[in-house]
Protein backbone atom coordinates (compact mmCIF):
# COMPACT_ATOMS: atom_id res chain seq x y z
CA MET A 1 0.00 0.00 0.00
CA LYS A 2 2.97 2.33 -0.09
CA ASN A 3 2.94 5.27 -2.49
CA ILE A 4 -0.82 5.13 -3.11
CA LYS A 5 -3.00 8.17 -2.57
CA ILE A 6 -6.06 7.29 -0.49
CA ASN A 7 -9.11 9.35 0.41
CA PHE A 8 -11.07 7.85 3.27
CA ILE A 9 -14.28 8.88 4.99
CA ILE A 10 -14.91 9.01 8.72
CA ILE A 11 -17.82 6.80 9.71
CA PHE A 12 -19.12 6.51 13.28
CA VAL A 13 -15.64 7.01 14.66
CA ILE A 14 -12.77 9.09 13.38
CA LEU A 15 -10.80 7.03 10.90
CA PHE A 16 -7.53 8.52 12.11
CA THR A 17 -4.93 11.00 11.09
CA TRP A 18 -2.46 8.42 9.80
CA SER A 19 -2.67 5.86 7.06
CA CYS A 20 -0.70 3.00 5.64
CA THR A 21 0.01 5.28 2.67
CA LYS A 22 -0.13 8.93 1.80
CA VAL A 23 -3.53 10.23 2.87
CA ASP A 24 -5.77 13.06 1.75
CA GLN A 25 -8.18 13.33 4.64
CA ILE A 26 -11.88 14.18 4.61
CA ILE A 27 -12.82 14.71 8.25
CA TYR A 28 -16.34 15.68 9.15
CA ASP A 29 -17.58 17.50 12.24
CA ALA A 30 -20.19 14.81 12.88
CA PRO A 31 -20.37 11.09 12.20
CA THR A 32 -21.26 10.32 8.62
CA PRO A 33 -24.40 8.21 8.17
CA THR A 34 -24.14 4.74 6.68
CA SER A 35 -25.74 6.05 3.49
CA ALA A 36 -22.49 7.91 2.74
CA ILE A 37 -20.91 4.55 1.95
CA LYS A 38 -22.22 3.85 -1.50
CA THR A 39 -19.57 2.02 -3.46
CA GLN A 40 -16.97 -0.69 -3.27
CA ALA A 41 -14.31 2.02 -3.35
CA ASP A 42 -15.84 3.64 -0.27
CA ILE A 43 -15.59 0.39 1.66
CA ASP A 44 -12.02 -0.17 0.48
CA ASN A 45 -11.01 3.27 1.66
CA ALA A 46 -12.56 2.52 5.04
CA ILE A 47 -10.56 -0.72 5.25
CA CYS A 48 -7.38 1.25 4.56
CA GLY A 49 -8.39 3.45 7.47
CA ILE A 50 -8.08 0.42 9.76
CA TYR A 51 -4.55 -0.24 8.54
CA SER A 52 -3.81 3.43 9.13
CA LYS A 53 -4.42 2.98 12.82
CA LEU A 54 -2.07 0.01 13.07
CA ASN A 55 0.87 2.05 11.78
CA ALA A 56 -0.05 5.12 13.82
CA TRP A 57 1.94 6.66 16.69
CA ASP A 58 -0.31 5.24 19.41
CA CYS A 59 -0.11 1.72 18.03
CA PHE A 60 2.87 0.03 16.37
CA LYS A 61 4.72 3.19 15.32
CA GLU A 62 5.75 4.08 18.85
CA GLN A 63 3.54 3.32 21.84
CA SER A 64 3.51 -0.47 21.42
CA PHE A 65 7.18 -0.39 20.54
CA THR A 66 8.16 1.68 23.58
CA THR A 67 6.41 -0.67 25.99
CA ILE A 68 6.73 -4.31 24.92
CA PRO A 69 10.45 -4.38 23.94
CA TYR A 70 11.43 -2.46 27.06
CA ALA A 71 9.42 -4.77 29.34
CA ASP A 72 11.27 -7.93 28.32
CA ASP A 73 14.46 -9.42 29.76
CA LEU A 74 16.98 -8.76 27.00
CA SER A 75 16.75 -5.02 26.58
CA SER A 76 17.62 -1.92 28.50
CA THR A 77 17.24 1.72 27.69
CA ALA A 78 19.06 4.98 27.75
CA THR A 79 17.86 7.45 30.36
CA ASN A 80 14.53 8.59 29.00
CA ASN A 81 10.86 8.24 29.75
CA THR A 82 10.65 4.72 28.31
CA GLY A 83 13.06 3.55 30.98
CA ILE A 84 10.15 3.07 33.39
CA TRP A 85 9.22 -0.11 31.54
CA ALA A 86 12.67 -1.64 31.86
CA ALA A 87 12.88 -0.76 35.55
CA ARG A 88 9.15 -1.30 36.18
CA ILE A 89 9.36 1.75 38.43
CA GLY A 90 6.49 4.15 37.95
CA VAL A 91 4.49 1.77 35.76
CA ASN A 92 0.87 1.93 36.80
CA ALA A 93 -2.63 2.13 35.37
CA GLY A 94 -2.16 5.81 34.61
CA VAL A 95 0.85 5.39 32.31
CA SER A 96 -0.10 6.88 28.95
CA ASN A 97 1.47 4.13 26.83
CA SER A 98 -0.98 1.55 28.15
CA LEU A 99 -3.98 3.80 27.50
CA ASN A 100 -2.80 4.73 24.02
CA VAL A 101 -2.31 1.11 22.97
CA TRP A 102 -5.70 0.11 24.42
CA ARG A 103 -7.41 2.95 22.59
CA ALA A 104 -5.60 2.29 19.31
CA PHE A 105 -6.60 -1.36 19.11
CA TYR A 106 -10.19 -0.61 20.08
CA THR A 107 -10.33 2.02 17.36
CA CYS A 108 -9.24 -0.68 14.90
CA ILE A 109 -11.95 -2.98 16.24
CA SER A 110 -14.64 -0.29 16.05
CA ASN A 111 -13.77 0.48 12.47
CA ALA A 112 -13.59 -3.20 11.51
CA ASN A 113 -17.09 -3.62 12.95
CA ALA A 114 -18.24 -0.63 10.92
CA VAL A 115 -16.79 -2.12 7.71
CA LEU A 116 -18.58 -5.38 8.40
CA GLY A 117 -21.79 -3.38 8.73
CA TYR A 118 -21.17 -1.53 5.47
CA THR A 119 -20.72 -4.73 3.53
CA GLU A 120 -24.24 -5.78 4.50
CA THR A 121 -25.90 -2.48 3.59
CA THR A 122 -24.00 -1.53 0.44
CA LYS A 123 -24.69 -2.98 -3.00
CA ILE A 124 -21.43 -4.66 -3.95
CA VAL A 125 -20.57 -7.82 -5.82
CA ASP A 126 -20.48 -10.99 -3.74
CA ALA A 127 -16.82 -11.73 -4.43
CA TYR A 128 -15.74 -8.35 -3.08
CA LYS A 129 -18.11 -8.63 -0.14
CA THR A 130 -16.49 -11.92 0.85
CA LYS A 131 -13.02 -10.42 0.59
CA ALA A 132 -13.95 -7.22 2.46
CA LYS A 133 -15.51 -9.14 5.32
CA ALA A 134 -12.50 -11.44 5.51
CA GLU A 135 -10.10 -8.49 5.65
CA ALA A 136 -12.13 -6.71 8.33
CA LYS A 137 -12.31 -9.90 10.40
CA PHE A 138 -8.57 -10.46 10.04
CA LEU A 139 -7.90 -6.96 11.33
CA ARG A 140 -10.40 -7.30 14.15
CA GLY A 141 -8.96 -10.68 15.13
CA LEU A 142 -5.44 -9.23 15.01
CA ALA A 143 -6.42 -6.34 17.31
CA TYR A 144 -8.08 -8.65 19.83
CA PHE A 145 -5.08 -10.99 19.72
CA TYR A 146 -2.75 -8.24 20.84
CA LEU A 147 -5.25 -6.92 23.39
CA VAL A 148 -5.73 -10.30 25.08
CA GLN A 149 -1.98 -10.78 25.32
CA TYR A 150 -1.48 -7.31 26.77
CA TYR A 151 -4.43 -7.20 29.16
CA GLY A 152 -6.05 -10.64 29.48
CA GLY A 153 -9.84 -10.75 29.20
CA VAL A 154 -11.15 -7.56 27.59
CA PRO A 155 -14.60 -6.30 26.54
CA ILE A 156 -15.85 -7.77 23.27
CA THR A 157 -17.75 -5.67 20.77
CA THR A 158 -18.75 -6.98 17.36
CA THR A 159 -21.45 -4.56 16.21
CA VAL A 160 -21.45 -1.13 14.60
CA PHE A 161 -21.33 1.73 17.09
CA ASN A 162 -24.70 3.45 17.35
CA GLY A 163 -27.05 5.07 19.85
CA SER A 164 -27.94 1.77 21.48
CA THR A 165 -24.35 0.58 21.94
CA ASP A 166 -23.43 -0.37 25.51
CA LEU A 167 -20.78 2.18 26.45
CA ASN A 168 -19.91 0.36 29.68
CA PRO A 169 -19.25 -3.26 28.74
CA SER A 170 -17.86 -5.81 31.17
CA ARG A 171 -14.64 -7.69 30.57
CA SER A 172 -15.12 -10.92 28.67
CA SER A 173 -13.19 -14.02 29.67
CA VAL A 174 -9.89 -14.89 28.02
CA ASP A 175 -11.61 -17.96 26.57
CA SER A 176 -14.33 -15.82 24.96
CA VAL A 177 -11.80 -13.44 23.45
CA TYR A 178 -9.80 -16.31 21.94
CA LYS A 179 -13.00 -17.88 20.60
CA LEU A 180 -13.67 -14.67 18.66
CA ILE A 181 -10.04 -14.33 17.54
CA LEU A 182 -9.89 -17.86 16.18
CA SER A 183 -13.28 -17.53 14.50
CA ASP A 184 -12.31 -14.24 12.83
CA LEU A 185 -8.95 -15.52 11.62
CA LYS A 186 -10.44 -18.79 10.38
CA GLU A 187 -13.02 -16.94 8.31
CA ALA A 188 -10.31 -14.67 6.96
CA THR A 189 -8.39 -17.67 5.60
CA THR A 190 -11.25 -18.45 3.22
CA GLY A 191 -11.81 -14.95 1.89
CA LEU A 192 -8.41 -13.33 1.50
CA PRO A 193 -6.21 -13.66 -1.61
CA THR A 194 -2.96 -15.59 -1.53
CA ARG A 195 0.26 -13.60 -1.69
CA LEU A 196 1.02 -14.69 -5.25
CA VAL A 197 -2.29 -13.43 -6.66
CA GLN A 198 -2.74 -10.37 -4.48
CA PRO A 199 -3.03 -7.22 -6.66
CA SER A 200 0.06 -5.04 -6.56
CA SER A 201 -2.16 -2.14 -5.49
CA GLU A 202 -2.88 -4.03 -2.25
CA PHE A 203 0.74 -4.80 -1.33
CA ASN A 204 1.24 -4.82 2.46
CA ARG A 205 -2.39 -5.75 3.09
CA ALA A 206 -3.53 -9.03 4.63
CA THR A 207 -3.38 -12.24 2.65
CA GLN A 208 -4.54 -15.78 3.23
CA GLY A 209 -1.02 -16.53 4.44
CA ALA A 210 -1.21 -13.78 7.07
CA ALA A 211 -4.53 -15.17 8.30
CA TYR A 212 -3.21 -18.74 8.52
CA GLY A 213 -0.02 -17.48 10.15
CA TYR A 214 -1.84 -15.59 12.88
CA LEU A 215 -4.26 -18.49 13.24
CA ALA A 216 -1.26 -20.70 13.99
CA LYS A 217 0.17 -18.17 16.42
CA ALA A 218 -3.14 -17.53 18.20
CA ASN A 219 -3.88 -21.26 18.56
CA LEU A 220 -0.40 -21.82 20.00
CA THR A 221 -0.71 -18.91 22.43
CA TYR A 222 -4.15 -20.02 23.61
CA ALA A 223 -2.88 -23.59 24.05
CA ASN A 224 0.00 -22.21 26.15
CA TYR A 225 -2.54 -20.30 28.25
CA LEU A 226 -4.61 -23.42 28.86
CA SER A 227 -1.56 -25.47 29.78
CA LEU A 228 -0.36 -22.86 32.27
CA ASN A 229 -3.81 -22.72 33.85
CA ASN A 230 -4.03 -26.45 34.59
CA ARG A 231 -6.22 -27.15 31.57
CA SER A 232 -3.82 -29.31 29.58
CA SER A 233 -6.60 -31.67 28.49
CA GLU A 234 -8.17 -28.74 26.61
CA SER A 235 -4.90 -27.50 25.12
CA THR A 236 -4.40 -30.54 22.87
CA LYS A 237 -6.93 -29.32 20.31
CA TYR A 238 -5.27 -25.92 20.00
CA TYR A 239 -1.73 -27.27 19.74
CA THR A 240 -3.03 -29.54 17.00
CA ASP A 241 -4.71 -26.64 15.21
CA ALA A 242 -1.58 -24.50 15.54
CA LYS A 243 0.49 -27.21 13.95
CA ALA A 244 -2.06 -27.74 11.16
CA SER A 245 -2.16 -24.03 10.30
CA ALA A 246 1.63 -23.76 10.30
CA ASP A 247 1.82 -26.90 8.15
CA PHE A 248 -0.63 -25.42 5.67
CA ILE A 249 1.63 -22.41 5.12
CA ILE A 250 4.81 -24.47 5.00
CA ASN A 251 3.34 -26.67 2.27
CA SER A 252 1.50 -23.90 0.41
CA GLY A 253 4.42 -22.72 -1.74
CA GLN A 254 3.42 -19.12 -1.01
CA TYR A 255 6.46 -18.21 1.09
CA SER A 256 10.12 -19.12 1.36
CA LEU A 257 13.07 -18.38 3.62
CA LEU A 258 15.40 -15.82 2.03
CA ALA A 259 18.74 -17.52 1.47
CA ASP A 260 20.65 -14.63 3.06
CA TYR A 261 19.20 -13.69 6.45
CA SER A 262 20.69 -10.21 6.26
CA LYS A 263 18.68 -9.35 3.14
CA ILE A 264 15.49 -9.35 5.19
CA TRP A 265 16.71 -6.12 6.80
CA ASP A 266 18.08 -4.40 3.68
CA VAL A 267 15.73 -1.44 3.36
CA THR A 268 16.62 -1.08 -0.35
CA GLN A 269 15.22 -4.59 -0.93
CA GLU A 270 12.29 -4.37 1.45
CA LYS A 271 9.62 -5.44 -1.03
CA ALA A 272 11.57 -8.59 -1.88
CA ALA A 273 11.61 -9.47 1.83
CA TYR A 274 7.88 -10.10 1.63
CA ALA A 275 8.62 -13.45 0.04
CA GLU A 276 9.32 -14.36 3.68
CA VAL A 277 7.39 -11.69 5.56
CA MET A 278 3.82 -12.85 6.03
CA PHE A 279 2.51 -9.64 7.60
CA GLY A 280 4.20 -6.33 8.21
CA ILE A 281 3.26 -2.81 9.23
CA ALA A 282 4.09 -0.54 6.32
CA TYR A 283 6.09 2.67 6.69
CA THR A 284 7.56 5.09 4.19
CA ARG A 285 9.74 8.19 4.35
CA ASP A 286 7.58 11.27 4.81
CA ALA A 287 9.34 14.56 4.12
CA VAL A 288 6.14 16.57 4.60
CA THR A 289 5.15 15.45 8.09
CA THR A 290 8.32 14.36 9.84
CA ASN A 291 7.22 14.15 13.49
CA VAL A 292 5.42 11.36 15.35
CA VAL A 293 2.43 11.48 13.02
CA SER A 294 4.55 10.99 9.93
CA GLU A 295 4.21 7.91 7.76
CA GLY A 296 7.74 6.77 8.55
CA SER A 297 9.13 4.61 11.34
CA GLY A 298 11.60 5.48 14.06
CA TRP A 299 13.44 2.22 14.82
CA ALA A 300 16.45 3.05 12.65
CA ALA A 301 17.08 5.83 15.16
CA PHE A 302 15.89 4.06 18.31
CA TYR A 303 18.07 0.97 17.80
CA ASN A 304 21.28 2.65 16.69
CA PRO A 305 23.99 4.44 18.73
CA SER A 306 23.88 8.22 18.94
CA SER A 307 27.44 8.30 17.58
CA ARG A 308 26.81 6.14 14.51
CA PRO A 309 26.28 8.28 11.38
CA ASN A 310 24.22 7.59 8.26
CA VAL A 311 21.78 5.12 9.77
CA SER A 312 18.54 7.12 10.02
CA GLY A 313 16.99 10.50 9.27
CA ASN A 314 17.93 11.84 12.69
CA GLY A 315 19.71 15.19 12.46
CA ALA A 316 22.37 16.46 10.12
CA LEU A 317 24.65 13.47 10.73
CA LYS A 318 21.75 11.03 10.40
CA THR A 319 22.65 9.19 13.61
CA GLY A 320 20.74 6.94 15.92
CA ASN A 321 19.64 8.21 19.30
CA GLY A 322 20.77 5.26 21.42
CA THR A 323 17.39 4.50 22.96
CA TYR A 324 17.42 0.71 22.83
CA LYS A 325 20.37 -1.39 23.96
CA VAL A 326 20.86 -5.13 24.47
CA GLN A 327 21.73 -6.77 27.78
CA PRO A 328 25.35 -8.11 27.65
CA TRP A 329 24.27 -11.56 28.89
CA PHE A 330 21.91 -11.94 25.95
CA TYR A 331 24.62 -11.28 23.38
CA GLU A 332 26.97 -13.60 25.21
CA ARG A 333 24.43 -16.43 25.04
CA TYR A 334 24.52 -16.29 21.25
CA THR A 335 28.30 -16.33 20.99
CA SER A 336 28.63 -19.62 22.83
CA GLY A 337 27.33 -23.18 22.65
CA ASP A 338 25.14 -23.88 19.59
CA TYR A 339 25.56 -20.36 18.27
CA VAL A 340 29.31 -19.89 17.90
CA ASN A 341 29.82 -18.38 14.42
CA ASP A 342 26.08 -18.07 13.76
CA TYR A 343 25.59 -15.65 10.85
CA ARG A 344 22.45 -14.23 12.46
CA VAL A 345 24.53 -12.85 15.33
CA GLU A 346 26.76 -10.68 13.15
CA THR A 347 23.72 -9.62 11.16
CA SER A 348 21.44 -8.84 14.11
CA PHE A 349 23.81 -7.13 16.55
CA LEU A 350 26.19 -4.18 16.42
CA THR A 351 29.37 -4.16 18.52
CA SER A 352 31.68 -1.84 16.54
CA TRP A 353 31.32 1.11 14.17
CA ASN A 354 33.13 4.20 12.93
CA ASN A 355 31.61 7.06 14.88
CA THR A 356 30.86 10.66 13.88
CA SER A 357 34.49 11.57 14.61
CA ALA A 358 35.66 8.83 12.22
CA LYS A 359 37.07 6.88 15.17
CA LEU A 360 36.31 3.33 16.22
CA SER A 361 33.59 2.84 18.83
CA ILE A 362 33.17 -0.58 20.40
CA THR A 363 30.79 -2.34 22.78
CA PHE A 364 30.98 -5.57 24.75
CA PRO A 365 32.36 -8.06 23.77
CA PHE A 366 34.28 -6.65 20.79
CA VAL A 367 38.08 -6.66 21.13
CA PRO A 368 39.97 -4.72 18.45
CA ALA A 369 43.19 -5.88 16.87
CA VAL A 370 46.43 -4.98 18.58
CA GLY A 371 47.42 -1.39 17.85
CA VAL A 372 43.97 -0.22 16.74
CA VAL A 373 43.05 3.10 18.34
CA ILE A 374 39.68 3.14 20.09
CA GLY A 375 37.63 6.33 20.09
CA ALA A 376 35.00 5.24 22.61
CA THR A 377 33.69 2.16 24.42
CA GLU A 378 30.19 1.23 25.53
CA SER A 379 29.06 -1.67 27.68
CA GLN A 380 26.05 -2.85 25.71
CA PRO A 381 25.57 -4.01 22.11
CA TYR A 382 22.83 -2.70 19.83
CA VAL A 383 20.35 -4.31 17.45
CA ASN A 384 21.52 -3.87 13.86
CA LYS A 385 18.38 -4.74 11.89
CA TYR A 386 16.97 -1.29 11.24
CA ILE A 387 19.04 1.08 9.09
CA ASP A 388 17.87 3.74 6.65
CA PRO A 389 20.58 6.19 5.54
CA ASN A 390 17.97 7.93 3.37
CA GLY A 391 15.57 8.57 6.23
CA VAL A 392 14.28 12.13 6.44
CA ALA A 393 13.70 12.53 10.20
CA LEU A 394 14.08 10.70 13.48
CA GLN A 395 10.66 9.09 13.06
CA SER A 396 10.42 9.15 9.30
CA ASN A 397 12.39 6.21 7.98
CA GLU A 398 11.43 3.54 5.46
CA ASN A 399 11.81 0.43 7.63
CA ASP A 400 8.66 -1.68 7.94
CA LEU A 401 7.88 -3.62 11.10
CA PHE A 402 7.77 -7.32 10.23
CA LEU A 403 5.31 -8.82 12.71
CA LEU A 404 5.16 -12.31 11.21
CA ARG A 405 7.77 -14.15 9.14
CA PHE A 406 7.77 -17.55 7.47
CA SER A 407 10.53 -18.84 9.74
CA GLU A 408 8.07 -18.58 12.62
CA MET A 409 5.83 -21.19 11.00
CA TYR A 410 8.60 -23.76 11.35
CA LEU A 411 9.18 -22.86 14.99
CA ILE A 412 5.44 -22.87 15.76
CA LYS A 413 5.15 -26.31 14.19
CA ALA A 414 8.15 -27.55 16.18
CA GLU A 415 6.77 -26.12 19.43
CA ALA A 416 3.24 -27.45 18.94
CA GLU A 417 4.49 -30.92 18.01
CA ASN A 418 6.81 -30.92 21.02
CA GLU A 419 3.99 -29.96 23.39
CA LEU A 420 1.82 -32.70 21.92
CA ASN A 421 4.33 -35.54 21.62
CA GLY A 422 7.68 -34.42 22.97
CA PRO A 423 10.78 -34.35 20.74
CA THR A 424 10.04 -36.20 17.49
CA VAL A 425 11.57 -36.44 14.04
CA GLU A 426 8.84 -34.09 12.85
CA SER A 427 9.56 -31.44 15.46
CA PHE A 428 13.33 -31.61 14.89
CA THR A 429 12.85 -31.34 11.10
CA ALA A 430 10.78 -28.17 11.47
CA PHE A 431 13.18 -26.63 13.97
CA ASN A 432 16.24 -27.44 11.91
CA ALA A 433 14.78 -25.78 8.79
CA VAL A 434 15.43 -22.45 10.49
CA ARG A 435 18.99 -23.40 11.39
CA ALA A 436 19.65 -24.67 7.87
CA ARG A 437 18.93 -21.19 6.49
CA ALA A 438 21.22 -19.64 9.09
CA ARG A 439 24.07 -21.90 7.93
CA LYS A 440 23.79 -20.54 4.38
CA ALA A 441 25.08 -17.22 5.71
CA ASN A 442 25.76 -14.80 2.85
CA GLY A 443 26.48 -17.53 0.32
CA VAL A 444 29.51 -19.04 2.00
CA ALA A 445 28.10 -22.01 3.92
CA ARG A 446 28.96 -22.52 7.58
CA THR A 447 28.73 -25.45 9.96
CA ALA A 448 26.96 -23.46 12.68
CA PRO A 449 24.38 -23.60 14.00
CA ALA A 450 24.33 -27.39 13.83
CA ASP A 451 21.09 -29.30 13.53
CA LEU A 452 19.45 -29.99 16.87
CA THR A 453 19.34 -33.66 17.85
CA LEU A 454 17.66 -35.85 20.43
CA THR A 455 20.99 -36.13 22.24
CA VAL A 456 21.02 -32.39 22.91
CA ALA A 457 17.27 -32.04 23.57
CA PRO A 458 16.03 -35.40 24.84
CA THR A 459 12.93 -34.19 26.71
CA LYS A 460 9.96 -31.94 26.05
CA GLN A 461 11.30 -29.40 28.55
CA ALA A 462 14.80 -29.37 27.05
CA PHE A 463 13.44 -28.95 23.54
CA ARG A 464 11.13 -26.17 24.70
CA MET A 465 14.14 -24.27 26.05
CA LYS A 466 15.91 -24.72 22.71
CA ILE A 467 12.86 -23.27 20.92
CA PHE A 468 12.81 -20.36 23.37
CA ASP A 469 16.48 -19.65 22.70
CA GLU A 470 16.10 -20.03 18.93
CA ARG A 471 13.21 -17.60 18.87
CA GLY A 472 15.28 -15.18 20.96
CA LEU A 473 17.95 -14.95 18.25
CA GLU A 474 15.82 -15.39 15.14
CA PHE A 475 13.37 -12.63 16.14
CA VAL A 476 15.49 -10.27 18.22
CA GLY A 477 14.19 -6.71 17.84
CA GLU A 478 11.00 -7.91 16.14
CA PHE A 479 8.35 -7.48 18.83
CA ASN A 480 8.29 -11.11 20.01
CA ARG A 481 10.35 -11.56 23.17
CA TRP A 482 7.91 -10.32 25.83
CA PHE A 483 5.08 -12.32 24.31
CA ASP A 484 7.25 -15.44 24.35
CA LEU A 485 8.20 -14.83 27.99
CA VAL A 486 4.62 -14.59 29.23
CA ARG A 487 3.08 -17.35 27.07
CA MET A 488 5.65 -20.19 27.23
CA SER A 489 5.93 -22.65 30.09
CA ALA A 490 9.15 -22.76 32.07
CA PRO A 491 11.02 -26.05 32.49
CA ASP A 492 8.82 -26.88 35.50
CA ASP A 493 5.70 -26.94 33.24
CA LYS A 494 3.87 -24.82 35.84
CA THR A 495 5.15 -21.27 35.62
CA THR A 496 5.92 -18.95 32.73
CA MET A 497 9.25 -18.40 31.07
CA TYR A 498 9.00 -14.83 32.38
CA GLU A 499 9.11 -16.11 35.94
CA TYR A 500 11.94 -18.50 35.11
CA GLN A 501 14.07 -15.72 33.65
CA TYR A 502 13.45 -13.14 36.38
CA ALA A 503 13.21 -15.39 39.43
CA THR A 504 15.68 -18.13 38.50
CA TYR A 505 18.05 -17.30 35.64
CA LEU A 506 18.85 -13.57 35.78
CA PRO A 507 19.74 -13.56 39.51
CA THR A 508 22.58 -16.01 38.76
CA LEU A 509 24.35 -13.55 36.47
CA VAL A 510 27.13 -11.21 37.54
CA ALA A 511 25.50 -7.88 38.25
CA GLY A 512 26.70 -4.68 36.63
CA LEU A 513 27.83 -3.74 33.15
CA PRO A 514 31.14 -4.88 31.66
CA THR A 515 33.89 -2.33 31.10
CA TYR A 516 36.82 -2.55 28.71
CA ASN A 517 40.44 -2.60 29.87
CA ALA A 518 42.57 -1.34 26.98
CA THR A 519 45.77 -2.59 28.59
CA THR A 520 44.71 -6.20 29.00
CA ARG A 521 42.28 -5.99 26.07
CA THR A 522 39.58 -7.68 28.13
CA TRP A 523 36.07 -6.95 29.39
CA SER A 524 35.17 -7.15 33.06
CA THR A 525 32.67 -9.73 34.26
CA GLY A 526 29.43 -7.78 34.73
CA ARG A 527 26.65 -8.94 32.41
CA THR A 528 23.47 -7.10 33.43
CA GLU A 529 22.24 -3.54 33.30
CA LYS A 530 20.65 -3.29 36.74
CA THR A 531 17.43 -1.43 36.00
CA ASN A 532 16.10 -4.30 33.91
CA VAL A 533 16.87 -7.08 36.39
CA VAL A 534 13.94 -6.63 38.77
CA PRO A 535 12.39 -9.03 41.32
CA PHE A 536 9.72 -11.24 39.81
CA ASP A 537 6.14 -10.07 40.32
CA LYS A 538 3.28 -12.01 38.79
CA LYS A 539 1.42 -8.81 37.96
CA TYR A 540 3.89 -8.12 35.13
CA LEU A 541 2.45 -11.02 33.15
CA LEU A 542 -0.25 -8.55 32.09
CA PHE A 543 -0.35 -4.81 31.59
CA PRO A 544 -2.64 -2.68 33.75
CA ILE A 545 -6.11 -1.78 32.52
CA PRO A 546 -5.87 1.98 31.85
CA SER A 547 -7.18 4.09 34.72
CA ASN A 548 -9.25 6.13 32.27
CA GLU A 549 -11.24 3.00 31.43
CA LEU A 550 -11.75 2.22 35.09
CA SER A 551 -12.95 5.73 35.83
CA VAL A 552 -15.56 5.90 33.05
CA ASN A 553 -16.72 2.27 33.17
CA LYS A 554 -17.66 1.03 36.63
CA LYS A 555 -18.07 -2.53 35.31
CA MET A 556 -14.39 -2.66 34.39
CA THR A 557 -12.06 -4.46 36.77
CA GLN A 558 -8.30 -4.09 37.17
CA ASN A 559 -5.76 -6.84 36.57
CA PRO A 560 -4.36 -8.50 39.72
CA GLY A 561 -1.64 -6.56 41.48
CA TRP A 562 -2.20 -3.27 39.67
């Protein structure tokens, strides 16, 4: 949908100030009646309005991305307002990020409901009606999927907003929300086009593959939820369905793993990456509106050092701003054991660069050659996936956010099969497909990472930990880690991986950040940035219901501990 001019109409609720493409807005002082939607083009413009909210500032452009990544165990932040999530200090029901994300996803849901209403009252051909309903249900299911993971059970609304709408709904159960999510995504699989036949004018919009992919992911996540809540007998169906949906995509011929992992992140070849990317949030450089409401993204700046030039549109030197850094222990994990000489490590992380003074800057654990002059040292690596030297502002870069990639289908299949039957030939085959691509490197084949075998992962719990680690590297910086922490079972099969990391694993690490000794050419032993290593508290498995919702809706209840 990039580079397409779209006019869209506001119906029942404001259809936003952002879009997935360049937008000429028509905003009315009062809600437009349903009769204003008269044509197929009107409905299509309204659907684009839903996408526009997904890539807006209060959704994936910033607010989701300055909460979830900072709340996980592998990241830490520079000193700024997002640091409250890493330290958990000051996070409460009144924090604006939580409210903004809540409101953004409910705006998507409201507009998806409106589109579903339009399709029933507008004279359009049946084929388009089927596709429009499928797309609206995909987007509604997607919004509810993120809401239920953030907040747990949330209010369900499936009808067009009107004068009789209940403005004070109660929270629905987690089970009810997943029932709707799975129903919406399942229907979307039968009405959306496949990637290979999708019109070029609809590039970046949902496809059948995206629907099946999220169906696999939602089934897996719900199965995890059931298992963790002592309902393992019920989880079998959903693990089975997750595996079946992942299998469908794997065997569909619609997607493939790019031979060179690094090419996924090459912004000059972004469209080609969608041979692997199943669903992404589209962004494009916007020289007209360059602030937070621009059509560009900000991760090229957020993820890069403030001394690294020509990586984003930030300032005259086009530097990063050093917001997001990686915990030293996390990098160290992927330079040892299975992952020694893994191509994804050198592609995904940054530990050295020529800074704005044309001198060498390094981070842990980089050690320069003897005699090389060092300009500056830092204790923490950076994520190296988002770079746009042609960006036009701090938050106006070209990089899309890839929410779902084909490699995840293999790991979902491996995880579901493992939860059903333990380590099997089938689960190892799926898992090792991801490692096989990593070994291809940039065309010069490597021996690492080696295929996983029963000797290394002989039990369900051991294999689960291998999947957790593999996902940590494969999807670093891609909006997955926190969700994996709170959904996956720990080795005890009773608690979450979040509890395992914070209560069991992280406390064993040497506290403090490593520092470089130029004389001995070694790094000291600290491996953790202290603000992110906090005592485990079960309340952090969910985000707080925004206080605004609690104050206006007396039926709304708060999540435990908040």
